[in-house]
């Protein structure tokens, strides 16, 4: 039963989460997908384009493949057109509490429709790539004719599923242990990322877990998710808590409120593949060569695993954090960088 799948308008809790970070310390930067369902989408001319009806996810790659918008229709959107949008085309409007896309209403209405071909393995890559390119963006996954290299910056598109179907899906460890069922999925739509999957046991006999999306994969029949136990185990930690029984607002500890990566105290995992080693070496060399960074700032940890680079450490200011992040992004695809650098250290 999808008891927390909301098809109505966005709740007040979402509006709080869309406030600037400094104004909402108790809320996560990312959003739970069920609180995005029903959210209004407008263009920059403030014309209403529709409401979000569903989100298509690639769990294994930690990506949002498409956002499906119901445009028009009568009561509850019945009879409306389903139009597919790439998540990175959407920008949150904190004041109006809507998502915006830089496109005219006429071009939006003429855009690629969402249909069953977007979910079929034989046709989904071409269909989703068409949507991405229609809005002037570059596909993040490999297409037909492209050479796929191990650990390359271009990813292989994984199994796609509606997030509403992922809810309540059982989760097991790679050793076969039952962990619970998918309770909530947190994501950052403008970045196109899935971040955390909250796993809960309905019987409450097992602890909640907050797992990184990329640590999960499907079993062959696509009926359950398998957690790679080599990732950081966050069991037995009070990381997530609903406020009240209606599951409409929630709190998380600050540890969860960050980009996907490795928890503090755990060594960063460096890939042994030559591409991973070369990418890490290039980023480190660029950081060391920057005359504006202090010796302390140049001591930031850098590691690359399967083309995904993680930065970790402490710096004195947000501008330094962003500068180092930009150096890493310039070395490959920007979306393959997880910037875990924290502000508050002594580096200058």
C-alpha atoms as a PDB file:
ATOM      1  CA  UNK A   1       0.000   0.000   0.000  1.00  0.00           C
ATOM      2  CA  UNK A   2       1.450   3.367  -1.034  1.00  0.00           C
ATOM      3  CA  UNK A   3       0.144   5.145   2.032  1.00  0.00           C
ATOM      4  CA  UNK A   4       2.462   8.109   1.603  1.00  0.00           C
ATOM      5  CA  UNK A   5       2.103   8.618  -2.144  1.00  0.00           C
ATOM      6  CA  UNK A   6       0.549  12.077  -2.374  1.00  0.00           C
ATOM      7  CA  UNK A   7      -1.286  13.012  -5.553  1.00  0.00           C
ATOM      8  CA  UNK A   8      -2.778  16.236  -4.253  1.00  0.00           C
ATOM      9  CA  UNK A   9      -1.170  19.636  -3.965  1.00  0.00           C
ATOM     10  CA  UNK A  10       2.181  20.056  -2.262  1.00  0.00           C
ATOM     11  CA  UNK A  11       2.028  20.164   1.491  1.00  0.00           C
ATOM     12  CA  UNK A  12       3.183  23.053   3.629  1.00  0.00           C
ATOM     13  CA  UNK A  13       6.201  20.995   4.695  1.00  0.00           C
ATOM     14  CA  UNK A  14       7.557  21.153   1.166  1.00  0.00           C
ATOM     15  CA  UNK A  15       7.282  24.919   1.150  1.00  0.00           C
ATOM     16  CA  UNK A  16       9.426  25.030   4.248  1.00  0.00           C
ATOM     17  CA  UNK A  17      12.001  22.813   2.581  1.00  0.00           C
ATOM     18  CA  UNK A  18      12.151  25.191  -0.371  1.00  0.00           C
ATOM     19  CA  UNK A  19      13.269  28.067   1.827  1.00  0.00           C
ATOM     20  CA  UNK A  20      16.944  29.093   1.759  1.00  0.00           C
ATOM     21  CA  UNK A  21      19.144  26.689   3.709  1.00  0.00           C
ATOM     22  CA  UNK A  22      19.842  29.132   6.529  1.00  0.00           C
ATOM     23  CA  UNK A  23      16.109  29.384   7.258  1.00  0.00           C
ATOM     24  CA  UNK A  24      15.407  25.668   7.547  1.00  0.00           C
ATOM     25  CA  UNK A  25      18.136  23.963   9.545  1.00  0.00           C
ATOM     26  CA  UNK A  26      15.848  21.135  10.621  1.00  0.00           C
ATOM     27  CA  UNK A  27      14.852  20.218   7.069  1.00  0.00           C
ATOM     28  CA  UNK A  28      16.970  18.439   4.441  1.00  0.00           C
ATOM     29  CA  UNK A  29      18.268  20.124   1.309  1.00  0.00           C
ATOM     30  CA  UNK A  30      16.822  17.376  -0.848  1.00  0.00           C
ATOM     31  CA  UNK A  31      13.114  16.639  -1.103  1.00  0.00           C
ATOM     32  CA  UNK A  32      11.078  13.504  -0.614  1.00  0.00           C
ATOM     33  CA  UNK A  33       9.624  12.492  -3.965  1.00  0.00           C
ATOM     34  CA  UNK A  34       6.075  12.065  -2.657  1.00  0.00           C
ATOM     35  CA  UNK A  35       6.068  15.714  -1.616  1.00  0.00           C
ATOM     36  CA  UNK A  36       6.910  16.704  -5.188  1.00  0.00           C
ATOM     37  CA  UNK A  37       3.919  14.892  -6.656  1.00  0.00           C
ATOM     38  CA  UNK A  38       1.314  17.509  -7.527  1.00  0.00           C
ATOM     39  CA  UNK A  39       3.772  20.397  -7.424  1.00  0.00           C
ATOM     40  CA  UNK A  40       3.011  23.113  -9.955  1.00  0.00           C
ATOM     41  CA  UNK A  41       5.350  23.754 -12.879  1.00  0.00           C
ATOM     42  CA  UNK A  42       5.453  27.199 -14.531  1.00  0.00           C
ATOM     43  CA  UNK A  43       7.686  28.891 -17.069  1.00  0.00           C
ATOM     44  CA  UNK A  44       9.622  32.133 -16.589  1.00  0.00           C
ATOM     45  CA  UNK A  45       6.650  34.082 -17.948  1.00  0.00           C
ATOM     46  CA  UNK A  46       4.638  32.637 -15.039  1.00  0.00           C
ATOM     47  CA  UNK A  47       2.372  30.627 -17.328  1.00  0.00           C
ATOM     48  CA  UNK A  48       1.110  27.440 -15.739  1.00  0.00           C
ATOM     49  CA  UNK A  49       2.392  24.373 -17.584  1.00  0.00           C
ATOM     50  CA  UNK A  50       1.013  21.640 -15.361  1.00  0.00           C
ATOM     51  CA  UNK A  51       1.715  19.602 -12.226  1.00  0.00           C
ATOM     52  CA  UNK A  52       4.177  16.831 -11.546  1.00  0.00           C
ATOM     53  CA  UNK A  53       2.462  13.467 -11.899  1.00  0.00           C
ATOM     54  CA  UNK A  54       5.353  11.023 -11.560  1.00  0.00           C
ATOM     55  CA  UNK A  55       9.124  10.736 -11.395  1.00  0.00           C
ATOM     56  CA  UNK A  56      11.148   8.105 -13.267  1.00  0.00           C
ATOM     57  CA  UNK A  57      14.247   6.946 -11.399  1.00  0.00           C
ATOM     58  CA  UNK A  58      17.465   5.068 -12.145  1.00  0.00           C
ATOM     59  CA  UNK A  59      18.240   3.868  -8.615  1.00  0.00           C
ATOM     60  CA  UNK A  60      21.566   2.138  -9.321  1.00  0.00           C
ATOM     61  CA  UNK A  61      23.045   5.308 -10.862  1.00  0.00           C
ATOM     62  CA  UNK A  62      21.399   7.611  -8.312  1.00  0.00           C
ATOM     63  CA  UNK A  63      19.708   9.587 -11.091  1.00  0.00           C
ATOM     64  CA  UNK A  64      16.311  10.988 -11.955  1.00  0.00           C
ATOM     65  CA  UNK A  65      15.701  10.035 -15.578  1.00  0.00           C
ATOM     66  CA  UNK A  66      12.542  12.067 -16.198  1.00  0.00           C
ATOM     67  CA  UNK A  67       9.902  14.185 -14.517  1.00  0.00           C
ATOM     68  CA  UNK A  68       6.420  13.601 -15.933  1.00  0.00           C
ATOM     69  CA  UNK A  69       4.130  16.642 -15.952  1.00  0.00           C
ATOM     70  CA  UNK A  70       0.353  16.436 -16.387  1.00  0.00           C
ATOM     71  CA  UNK A  71      -0.578  19.396 -18.552  1.00  0.00           C
ATOM     72  CA  UNK A  72      -4.216  20.386 -18.754  1.00  0.00           C
ATOM     73  CA  UNK A  73      -7.117  18.031 -18.164  1.00  0.00           C
ATOM     74  CA  UNK A  74     -10.147  18.365 -15.953  1.00  0.00           C
ATOM     75  CA  UNK A  75     -10.697  17.288 -12.364  1.00  0.00           C
ATOM     76  CA  UNK A  76      -7.465  15.989 -10.758  1.00  0.00           C
ATOM     77  CA  UNK A  77      -5.740  16.302 -14.142  1.00  0.00           C
ATOM     78  CA  UNK A  78      -7.873  13.589 -15.756  1.00  0.00           C
ATOM     79  CA  UNK A  79      -7.480  13.622 -19.517  1.00  0.00           C
ATOM     80  CA  UNK A  80      -4.420  15.869 -19.483  1.00  0.00           C
ATOM     81  CA  UNK A  81      -1.356  15.419 -21.692  1.00  0.00           C
ATOM     82  CA  UNK A  82       1.671  13.740 -20.104  1.00  0.00           C
ATOM     83  CA  UNK A  83       4.813  15.669 -21.033  1.00  0.00           C
ATOM     84  CA  UNK A  84       8.314  14.505 -20.102  1.00  0.00           C
ATOM     85  CA  UNK A  85      10.889  16.918 -18.707  1.00  0.00           C
ATOM     86  CA  UNK A  86      14.566  16.379 -17.876  1.00  0.00           C
ATOM     87  CA  UNK A  87      15.016  17.139 -14.160  1.00  0.00           C
ATOM     88  CA  UNK A  88      17.941  19.484 -14.781  1.00  0.00           C
ATOM     89  CA  UNK A  89      15.636  21.790 -16.770  1.00  0.00           C
ATOM     90  CA  UNK A  90      13.660  22.542 -13.593  1.00  0.00           C
ATOM     91  CA  UNK A  91      14.583  25.282 -11.135  1.00  0.00           C
ATOM     92  CA  UNK A  92      12.854  25.835  -7.773  1.00  0.00           C
ATOM     93  CA  UNK A  93      11.212  29.216  -7.242  1.00  0.00           C
ATOM     94  CA  UNK A  94      11.445  29.703  -3.486  1.00  0.00           C
ATOM     95  CA  UNK A  95       9.104  32.704  -3.437  1.00  0.00           C
ATOM     96  CA  UNK A  96       6.272  31.291  -5.540  1.00  0.00           C
ATOM     97  CA  UNK A  97       6.822  27.751  -4.244  1.00  0.00           C
ATOM     98  CA  UNK A  98       6.772  26.251  -7.743  1.00  0.00           C
ATOM     99  CA  UNK A  99       9.235  24.659 -10.133  1.00  0.00           C
ATOM    100  CA  UNK A 100      10.105  26.683 -13.228  1.00  0.00           C
ATOM    101  CA  UNK A 101      11.410  25.763 -16.655  1.00  0.00           C
ATOM    102  CA  UNK A 102      12.874  28.199 -19.189  1.00  0.00           C
ATOM    103  CA  UNK A 103      10.604  27.420 -22.136  1.00  0.00           C
ATOM    104  CA  UNK A 104       7.617  29.042 -23.812  1.00  0.00           C
ATOM    105  CA  UNK A 105       4.219  27.452 -23.301  1.00  0.00           C
ATOM    106  CA  UNK A 106       3.971  26.717 -27.017  1.00  0.00           C
ATOM    107  CA  UNK A 107       7.300  24.882 -27.065  1.00  0.00           C
ATOM    108  CA  UNK A 108       6.428  23.029 -23.867  1.00  0.00           C
ATOM    109  CA  UNK A 109       3.092  21.911 -25.342  1.00  0.00           C
ATOM    110  CA  UNK A 110       4.925  20.701 -28.462  1.00  0.00           C
ATOM    111  CA  UNK A 111       7.518  18.820 -26.406  1.00  0.00           C
ATOM    112  CA  UNK A 112       8.028  15.045 -26.233  1.00  0.00           C
ATOM    113  CA  UNK A 113       5.150  13.165 -24.652  1.00  0.00           C
ATOM    114  CA  UNK A 114       5.601  10.532 -21.995  1.00  0.00           C
ATOM    115  CA  UNK A 115       4.349   7.077 -22.935  1.00  0.00           C
ATOM    116  CA  UNK A 116       5.135   3.422 -22.323  1.00  0.00           C
ATOM    117  CA  UNK A 117       8.114   3.506 -24.721  1.00  0.00           C
ATOM    118  CA  UNK A 118      10.022   5.511 -22.097  1.00  0.00           C
ATOM    119  CA  UNK A 119       9.870   2.500 -19.780  1.00  0.00           C
ATOM    120  CA  UNK A 120      10.746  -0.232 -22.292  1.00  0.00           C
ATOM    121  CA  UNK A 121      14.375  -1.306 -22.313  1.00  0.00           C
ATOM    122  CA  UNK A 122      14.548  -1.460 -26.102  1.00  0.00           C
ATOM    123  CA  UNK A 123      13.445   2.147 -26.647  1.00  0.00           C
ATOM    124  CA  UNK A 124      13.978   4.066 -23.407  1.00  0.00           C
ATOM    125  CA  UNK A 125      17.499   5.368 -24.075  1.00  0.00           C
ATOM    126  CA  UNK A 126      16.520   7.035 -27.350  1.00  0.00           C
ATOM    127  CA  UNK A 127      13.273   8.412 -25.918  1.00  0.00           C
ATOM    128  CA  UNK A 128      14.846   9.907 -22.800  1.00  0.00           C
ATOM    129  CA  UNK A 129      17.769  11.314 -24.795  1.00  0.00           C
ATOM    130  CA  UNK A 130      15.230  13.004 -27.092  1.00  0.00           C
ATOM    131  CA  UNK A 131      13.632  14.710 -24.078  1.00  0.00           C
ATOM    132  CA  UNK A 132      16.987  15.847 -22.684  1.00  0.00           C
ATOM    133  CA  UNK A 133      18.150  17.287 -25.993  1.00  0.00           C
ATOM    134  CA  UNK A 134      14.817  18.994 -26.670  1.00  0.00           C
ATOM    135  CA  UNK A 135      15.550  21.210 -23.641  1.00  0.00           C
ATOM    136  CA  UNK A 136      19.135  21.919 -24.701  1.00  0.00           C
ATOM    137  CA  UNK A 137      20.903  19.511 -22.347  1.00  0.00           C
ATOM    138  CA  UNK A 138      23.335  16.636 -22.887  1.00  0.00           C
ATOM    139  CA  UNK A 139      22.396  13.036 -21.986  1.00  0.00           C
ATOM    140  CA  UNK A 140      24.338  11.727 -18.994  1.00  0.00           C
ATOM    141  CA  UNK A 141      24.182   8.112 -20.196  1.00  0.00           C
ATOM    142  CA  UNK A 142      25.675   6.277 -23.147  1.00  0.00           C
ATOM    143  CA  UNK A 143      23.688   6.025 -26.390  1.00  0.00           C
ATOM    144  CA  UNK A 144      23.876   3.597 -29.284  1.00  0.00           C
ATOM    145  CA  UNK A 145      27.198   3.833 -31.097  1.00  0.00           C
ATOM    146  CA  UNK A 146      29.027   5.356 -28.141  1.00  0.00           C
ATOM    147  CA  UNK A 147      31.899   3.368 -26.740  1.00  0.00           C
ATOM    148  CA  UNK A 148      31.245   2.492 -23.106  1.00  0.00           C
ATOM    149  CA  UNK A 149      34.494   2.296 -21.155  1.00  0.00           C
ATOM    150  CA  UNK A 150      34.779   0.764 -17.732  1.00  0.00           C
ATOM    151  CA  UNK A 151      34.386   3.460 -15.066  1.00  0.00           C
ATOM    152  CA  UNK A 152      33.880   6.083 -17.770  1.00  0.00           C
ATOM    153  CA  UNK A 153      32.275   9.476 -17.156  1.00  0.00           C
ATOM    154  CA  UNK A 154      29.330   8.448 -19.361  1.00  0.00           C
ATOM    155  CA  UNK A 155      27.201   5.971 -17.435  1.00  0.00           C
ATOM    156  CA  UNK A 156      25.228   2.999 -18.653  1.00  0.00           C
ATOM    157  CA  UNK A 157      21.519   3.702 -18.202  1.00  0.00           C
ATOM    158  CA  UNK A 158      20.168   1.400 -15.510  1.00  0.00           C
ATOM    159  CA  UNK A 159      16.745  -0.098 -14.915  1.00  0.00           C
ATOM    160  CA  UNK A 160      14.085   2.621 -14.826  1.00  0.00           C
ATOM    161  CA  UNK A 161      11.141   2.565 -12.466  1.00  0.00           C
ATOM    162  CA  UNK A 162       8.463   4.967 -11.307  1.00  0.00           C
ATOM    163  CA  UNK A 163       9.261   6.119  -7.794  1.00  0.00           C
ATOM    164  CA  UNK A 164       5.701   5.235  -6.792  1.00  0.00           C
ATOM    165  CA  UNK A 165       6.505   1.611  -7.662  1.00  0.00           C
ATOM    166  CA  UNK A 166       9.739   1.657  -5.667  1.00  0.00           C
ATOM    167  CA  UNK A 167       7.873   2.580  -2.495  1.00  0.00           C
ATOM    168  CA  UNK A 168       7.200  -0.434  -0.264  1.00  0.00           C
ATOM    169  CA  UNK A 169       9.600  -2.556  -2.314  1.00  0.00           C
ATOM    170  CA  UNK A 170      11.476  -5.001  -0.030  1.00  0.00           C
ATOM    171  CA  UNK A 171      15.173  -4.411   0.534  1.00  0.00           C
ATOM    172  CA  UNK A 172      17.692  -7.139   1.327  1.00  0.00           C
ATOM    173  CA  UNK A 173      21.418  -7.040   1.950  1.00  0.00           C
ATOM    174  CA  UNK A 174      23.791  -8.670  -0.519  1.00  0.00           C
ATOM    175  CA  UNK A 175      24.027 -11.497   2.033  1.00  0.00           C
ATOM    176  CA  UNK A 176      20.284 -12.098   1.834  1.00  0.00           C
ATOM    177  CA  UNK A 177      19.269 -10.455   5.119  1.00  0.00           C
ATOM    178  CA  UNK A 178      15.909  -8.663   5.093  1.00  0.00           C
ATOM    179  CA  UNK A 179      16.348  -4.974   5.953  1.00  0.00           C
ATOM    180  CA  UNK A 180      12.813  -3.651   5.518  1.00  0.00           C
ATOM    181  CA  UNK A 181      10.829  -1.881   2.815  1.00  0.00           C
ATOM    182  CA  UNK A 182      11.397   1.392   0.963  1.00  0.00           C
ATOM    183  CA  UNK A 183       9.635   4.059   2.995  1.00  0.00           C
ATOM    184  CA  UNK A 184      10.818   7.321   1.432  1.00  0.00           C
ATOM    185  CA  UNK A 185      13.094   8.475  -1.400  1.00  0.00           C
ATOM    186  CA  UNK A 186      14.947  11.779  -1.159  1.00  0.00           C
ATOM    187  CA  UNK A 187      16.129  13.575  -4.273  1.00  0.00           C
ATOM    188  CA  UNK A 188      17.387  16.869  -5.676  1.00  0.00           C
ATOM    189  CA  UNK A 189      15.371  17.493  -8.840  1.00  0.00           C
ATOM    190  CA  UNK A 190      17.393  20.412 -10.327  1.00  0.00           C
ATOM    191  CA  UNK A 191      20.570  18.339 -10.059  1.00  0.00           C
ATOM    192  CA  UNK A 192      18.843  15.201 -11.272  1.00  0.00           C
ATOM    193  CA  UNK A 193      20.085  13.153  -8.314  1.00  0.00           C
ATOM    194  CA  UNK A 194      18.543  10.534  -6.086  1.00  0.00           C
ATOM    195  CA  UNK A 195      20.282  10.800  -2.751  1.00  0.00           C
ATOM    196  CA  UNK A 196      18.870   8.710   0.073  1.00  0.00           C
ATOM    197  CA  UNK A 197      16.470   5.825   0.362  1.00  0.00           C
ATOM    198  CA  UNK A 198      14.863   5.395   3.776  1.00  0.00           C
ATOM    199  CA  UNK A 199      14.259   1.719   4.582  1.00  0.00           C
ATOM    200  CA  UNK A 200      11.854   0.870   7.377  1.00  0.00           C
ATOM    201  CA  UNK A 201      10.433  -2.371   8.747  1.00  0.00           C
ATOM    202  CA  UNK A 202       6.615  -2.191   9.048  1.00  0.00           C
ATOM    203  CA  UNK A 203       6.762  -4.440  12.131  1.00  0.00           C
ATOM    204  CA  UNK A 204       9.241  -2.002  13.742  1.00  0.00           C
ATOM    205  CA  UNK A 205      11.389  -4.947  14.798  1.00  0.00           C
ATOM    206  CA  UNK A 206      14.312  -3.714  12.685  1.00  0.00           C
ATOM    207  CA  UNK A 207      16.026  -0.294  12.782  1.00  0.00           C
ATOM    208  CA  UNK A 208      15.447   2.328  10.129  1.00  0.00           C
ATOM    209  CA  UNK A 209      18.261   2.700   7.634  1.00  0.00           C
ATOM    210  CA  UNK A 210      19.119   5.617   5.370  1.00  0.00           C
ATOM    211  CA  UNK A 211      20.960   4.219   2.359  1.00  0.00           C
ATOM    212  CA  UNK A 212      22.614   5.932  -0.574  1.00  0.00           C
ATOM    213  CA  UNK A 213      20.749   5.282  -3.795  1.00  0.00           C
ATOM    214  CA  UNK A 214      23.889   4.166  -5.615  1.00  0.00           C
ATOM    215  CA  UNK A 215      24.418   1.399  -3.070  1.00  0.00           C
ATOM    216  CA  UNK A 216      21.223  -0.302  -4.273  1.00  0.00           C
ATOM    217  CA  UNK A 217      20.472  -2.524  -7.259  1.00  0.00           C
ATOM    218  CA  UNK A 218      17.559  -4.692  -8.376  1.00  0.00           C
ATOM    219  CA  UNK A 219      17.330  -8.448  -8.201  1.00  0.00           C
ATOM    220  CA  UNK A 220      16.910 -10.188 -11.601  1.00  0.00           C
ATOM    221  CA  UNK A 221      13.098 -10.150 -11.416  1.00  0.00           C
ATOM    222  CA  UNK A 222      13.078  -6.438 -10.396  1.00  0.00           C
ATOM    223  CA  UNK A 223      10.871  -7.217  -7.400  1.00  0.00           C
ATOM    224  CA  UNK A 224      13.285  -6.185  -4.651  1.00  0.00           C
ATOM    225  CA  UNK A 225      16.315  -3.999  -4.031  1.00  0.00           C
ATOM    226  CA  UNK A 226      19.686  -5.382  -2.958  1.00  0.00           C
ATOM    227  CA  UNK A 227      21.934  -3.278  -0.748  1.00  0.00           C
ATOM    228  CA  UNK A 228      25.682  -3.495  -1.351  1.00  0.00           C
ATOM    229  CA  UNK A 229      26.981  -4.082   2.171  1.00  0.00           C
ATOM    230  CA  UNK A 230      30.403  -2.661   1.275  1.00  0.00           C
ATOM    231  CA  UNK A 231      28.894   0.832   1.574  1.00  0.00           C
ATOM    232  CA  UNK A 232      28.752   2.707   4.860  1.00  0.00           C
ATOM    233  CA  UNK A 233      26.267   1.056   7.216  1.00  0.00           C
ATOM    234  CA  UNK A 234      24.012   3.616   8.890  1.00  0.00           C
ATOM    235  CA  UNK A 235      21.910   1.161  10.872  1.00  0.00           C
ATOM    236  CA  UNK A 236      21.003   1.839  14.483  1.00  0.00           C
ATOM    237  CA  UNK A 237      21.323   5.607  14.064  1.00  0.00           C
ATOM    238  CA  UNK A 238      18.342   7.927  14.656  1.00  0.00           C
ATOM    239  CA  UNK A 239      18.822   9.531  11.252  1.00  0.00           C
ATOM    240  CA  UNK A 240      15.222   9.936  10.228  1.00  0.00           C
ATOM    241  CA  UNK A 241      12.001  10.635  12.072  1.00  0.00           C
ATOM    242  CA  UNK A 242       8.483  11.537  10.992  1.00  0.00           C
ATOM    243  CA  UNK A 243       6.786  14.329  12.938  1.00  0.00           C
ATOM    244  CA  UNK A 244       3.503  12.733  13.985  1.00  0.00           C
ATOM    245  CA  UNK A 245       1.588   9.808  12.581  1.00  0.00           C
ATOM    246  CA  UNK A 246       0.332  11.563   9.446  1.00  0.00           C
ATOM    247  CA  UNK A 247       3.842  11.434   7.852  1.00  0.00           C
ATOM    248  CA  UNK A 248       3.509  14.949   6.495  1.00  0.00           C
ATOM    249  CA  UNK A 249       6.613  16.546   7.984  1.00  0.00           C
ATOM    250  CA  UNK A 250       9.880  15.041   9.063  1.00  0.00           C
ATOM    251  CA  UNK A 251      13.299  15.677  10.577  1.00  0.00           C
ATOM    252  CA  UNK A 252      16.726  14.294   9.846  1.00  0.00           C
ATOM    253  CA  UNK A 253      20.030  14.631  11.616  1.00  0.00           C
ATOM    254  CA  UNK A 254      22.509  16.878   9.858  1.00  0.00           C
ATOM    255  CA  UNK A 255      24.644  13.853   8.954  1.00  0.00           C
ATOM    256  CA  UNK A 256      22.058  12.816   6.381  1.00  0.00           C
ATOM    257  CA  UNK A 257      21.615  16.346   5.087  1.00  0.00           C
ATOM    258  CA  UNK A 258      24.405  16.297   2.523  1.00  0.00           C
ATOM    259  CA  UNK A 259      25.409  14.969  -0.833  1.00  0.00           C
ATOM    260  CA  UNK A 260      25.980  11.229  -1.295  1.00  0.00           C
ATOM    261  CA  UNK A 261      29.417  10.066  -0.281  1.00  0.00           C
ATOM    262  CA  UNK A 262      31.313   8.467   2.568  1.00  0.00           C
ATOM    263  CA  UNK A 263      30.676   9.215   6.227  1.00  0.00           C
ATOM    264  CA  UNK A 264      33.354  11.070   8.166  1.00  0.00           C
ATOM    265  CA  UNK A 265      35.856   8.698   9.745  1.00  0.00           C
ATOM    266  CA  UNK A 266      35.673   6.191   6.879  1.00  0.00           C
ATOM    267  CA  UNK A 267      38.481   6.244   4.286  1.00  0.00           C
ATOM    268  CA  UNK A 268      37.504   7.416   0.838  1.00  0.00           C
ATOM    269  CA  UNK A 269      37.457   4.606  -1.694  1.00  0.00           C
ATOM    270  CA  UNK A 270      39.865   5.132  -4.584  1.00  0.00           C
ATOM    271  CA  UNK A 271      39.341   3.056  -7.710  1.00  0.00           C
ATOM    272  CA  UNK A 272      42.237   1.024  -9.064  1.00  0.00           C
ATOM    273  CA  UNK A 273      41.146   1.479 -12.667  1.00  0.00           C
ATOM    274  CA  UNK A 274      43.568   3.664 -14.647  1.00  0.00           C
ATOM    275  CA  UNK A 275      40.825   6.182 -15.536  1.00  0.00           C
ATOM    276  CA  UNK A 276      39.933   6.637 -11.869  1.00  0.00           C
ATOM    277  CA  UNK A 277      43.575   7.058 -10.858  1.00  0.00           C
ATOM    278  CA  UNK A 278      44.247   9.524 -13.651  1.00  0.00           C
ATOM    279  CA  UNK A 279      41.169  11.601 -12.825  1.00  0.00           C
ATOM    280  CA  UNK A 280      42.126  11.835  -9.145  1.00  0.00           C
ATOM    281  CA  UNK A 281      45.698  12.772 -10.094  1.00  0.00           C
ATOM    282  CA  UNK A 282      44.524  15.538 -12.454  1.00  0.00           C
ATOM    283  CA  UNK A 283      42.218  17.040  -9.833  1.00  0.00           C
ATOM    284  CA  UNK A 284      44.926  16.960  -7.166  1.00  0.00           C
ATOM    285  CA  UNK A 285      47.421  18.562  -9.537  1.00  0.00           C
ATOM    286  CA  UNK A 286      44.974  21.354 -10.410  1.00  0.00           C
ATOM    287  CA  UNK A 287      44.278  22.025  -6.718  1.00  0.00           C
ATOM    288  CA  UNK A 288      48.001  22.154  -5.933  1.00  0.00           C
ATOM    289  CA  UNK A 289      48.650  24.510  -8.859  1.00  0.00           C
ATOM    290  CA  UNK A 290      46.061  27.090  -7.749  1.00  0.00           C
ATOM    291  CA  UNK A 291      47.980  30.022  -6.200  1.00  0.00           C
ATOM    292  CA  UNK A 292      44.894  31.304  -4.353  1.00  0.00           C
ATOM    293  CA  UNK A 293      44.540  28.183  -2.206  1.00  0.00           C
ATOM    294  CA  UNK A 294      46.474  27.823   1.040  1.00  0.00           C
ATOM    295  CA  UNK A 295      48.521  24.777   1.975  1.00  0.00           C
ATOM    296  CA  UNK A 296      45.732  23.703   4.317  1.00  0.00           C
ATOM    297  CA  UNK A 297      43.075  24.020   1.604  1.00  0.00           C
ATOM    298  CA  UNK A 298      45.247  21.997  -0.753  1.00  0.00           C
ATOM    299  CA  UNK A 299      45.131  19.144   1.757  1.00  0.00           C
ATOM    300  CA  UNK A 300      41.521  18.299   0.865  1.00  0.00           C
ATOM    301  CA  UNK A 301      40.942  14.579   0.325  1.00  0.00           C
ATOM    302  CA  UNK A 302      40.205  13.527  -3.257  1.00  0.00           C
ATOM    303  CA  UNK A 303      39.204  10.043  -4.439  1.00  0.00           C
ATOM    304  CA  UNK A 304      37.500   8.651  -7.537  1.00  0.00           C
ATOM    305  CA  UNK A 305      35.530   5.406  -7.709  1.00  0.00           C
ATOM    306  CA  UNK A 306      33.765   4.341 -10.926  1.00  0.00           C
ATOM    307  CA  UNK A 307      34.263   7.894 -12.300  1.00  0.00           C
ATOM    308  CA  UNK A 308      32.480   9.454  -9.278  1.00  0.00           C
ATOM    309  CA  UNK A 309      34.821  11.838  -7.471  1.00  0.00           C
ATOM    310  CA  UNK A 310      34.417  12.638  -3.768  1.00  0.00           C
ATOM    311  CA  UNK A 311      35.951  15.687  -2.087  1.00  0.00           C
ATOM    312  CA  UNK A 312      36.192  15.785   1.708  1.00  0.00           C
ATOM    313  CA  UNK A 313      37.783  18.011   4.327  1.00  0.00           C
ATOM    314  CA  UNK A 314      37.344  21.440   5.910  1.00  0.00           C
ATOM    315  CA  UNK A 315      37.923  24.937   4.566  1.00  0.00           C
ATOM    316  CA  UNK A 316      37.420  28.421   5.951  1.00  0.00           C
ATOM    317  CA  UNK A 317      34.764  29.720   3.569  1.00  0.00           C
ATOM    318  CA  UNK A 318      32.037  28.718   1.168  1.00  0.00           C
ATOM    319  CA  UNK A 319      33.890  30.406  -1.707  1.00  0.00           C
ATOM    320  CA  UNK A 320      36.894  28.115  -1.164  1.00  0.00           C
ATOM    321  CA  UNK A 321      34.601  25.085  -1.004  1.00  0.00           C
ATOM    322  CA  UNK A 322      32.969  26.065  -4.291  1.00  0.00           C
ATOM    323  CA  UNK A 323      36.325  26.835  -5.907  1.00  0.00           C
ATOM    324  CA  UNK A 324      37.716  23.380  -5.164  1.00  0.00           C
ATOM    325  CA  UNK A 325      34.441  21.821  -6.284  1.00  0.00           C
ATOM    326  CA  UNK A 326      34.665  23.713  -9.582  1.00  0.00           C
ATOM    327  CA  UNK A 327      38.218  22.476 -10.124  1.00  0.00           C
ATOM    328  CA  UNK A 328      36.973  18.909  -9.771  1.00  0.00           C
ATOM    329  CA  UNK A 329      33.970  19.516 -12.034  1.00  0.00           C
ATOM    330  CA  UNK A 330      36.214  20.958 -14.754  1.00  0.00           C
ATOM    331  CA  UNK A 331      38.092  17.641 -14.890  1.00  0.00           C
ATOM    332  CA  UNK A 332      35.066  15.595 -15.979  1.00  0.00           C
ATOM    333  CA  UNK A 333      31.298  15.698 -15.974  1.00  0.00           C
ATOM    334  CA  UNK A 334      30.094  18.116 -13.231  1.00  0.00           C
ATOM    335  CA  UNK A 335      27.382  15.744 -12.022  1.00  0.00           C
ATOM    336  CA  UNK A 336      30.038  13.122 -11.198  1.00  0.00           C
ATOM    337  CA  UNK A 337      31.452  15.181  -8.323  1.00  0.00           C
ATOM    338  CA  UNK A 338      30.243  14.806  -4.735  1.00  0.00           C
ATOM    339  CA  UNK A 339      31.479  17.817  -2.762  1.00  0.00           C
ATOM    340  CA  UNK A 340      31.502  16.863   0.929  1.00  0.00           C
ATOM    341  CA  UNK A 341      33.843  19.676   1.931  1.00  0.00           C
ATOM    342  CA  UNK A 342      32.632  21.409   5.084  1.00  0.00           C
ATOM    343  CA  UNK A 343      33.053  25.088   5.933  1.00  0.00           C
ATOM    344  CA  UNK A 344      34.489  25.914   9.345  1.00  0.00           C
ATOM    345  CA  UNK A 345      38.079  24.736   9.326  1.00  0.00           C
ATOM    346  CA  UNK A 346      41.277  26.770   9.420  1.00  0.00           C
ATOM    347  CA  UNK A 347      42.187  26.449   5.746  1.00  0.00           C
ATOM    348  CA  UNK A 348      42.382  29.724   3.828  1.00  0.00           C
END
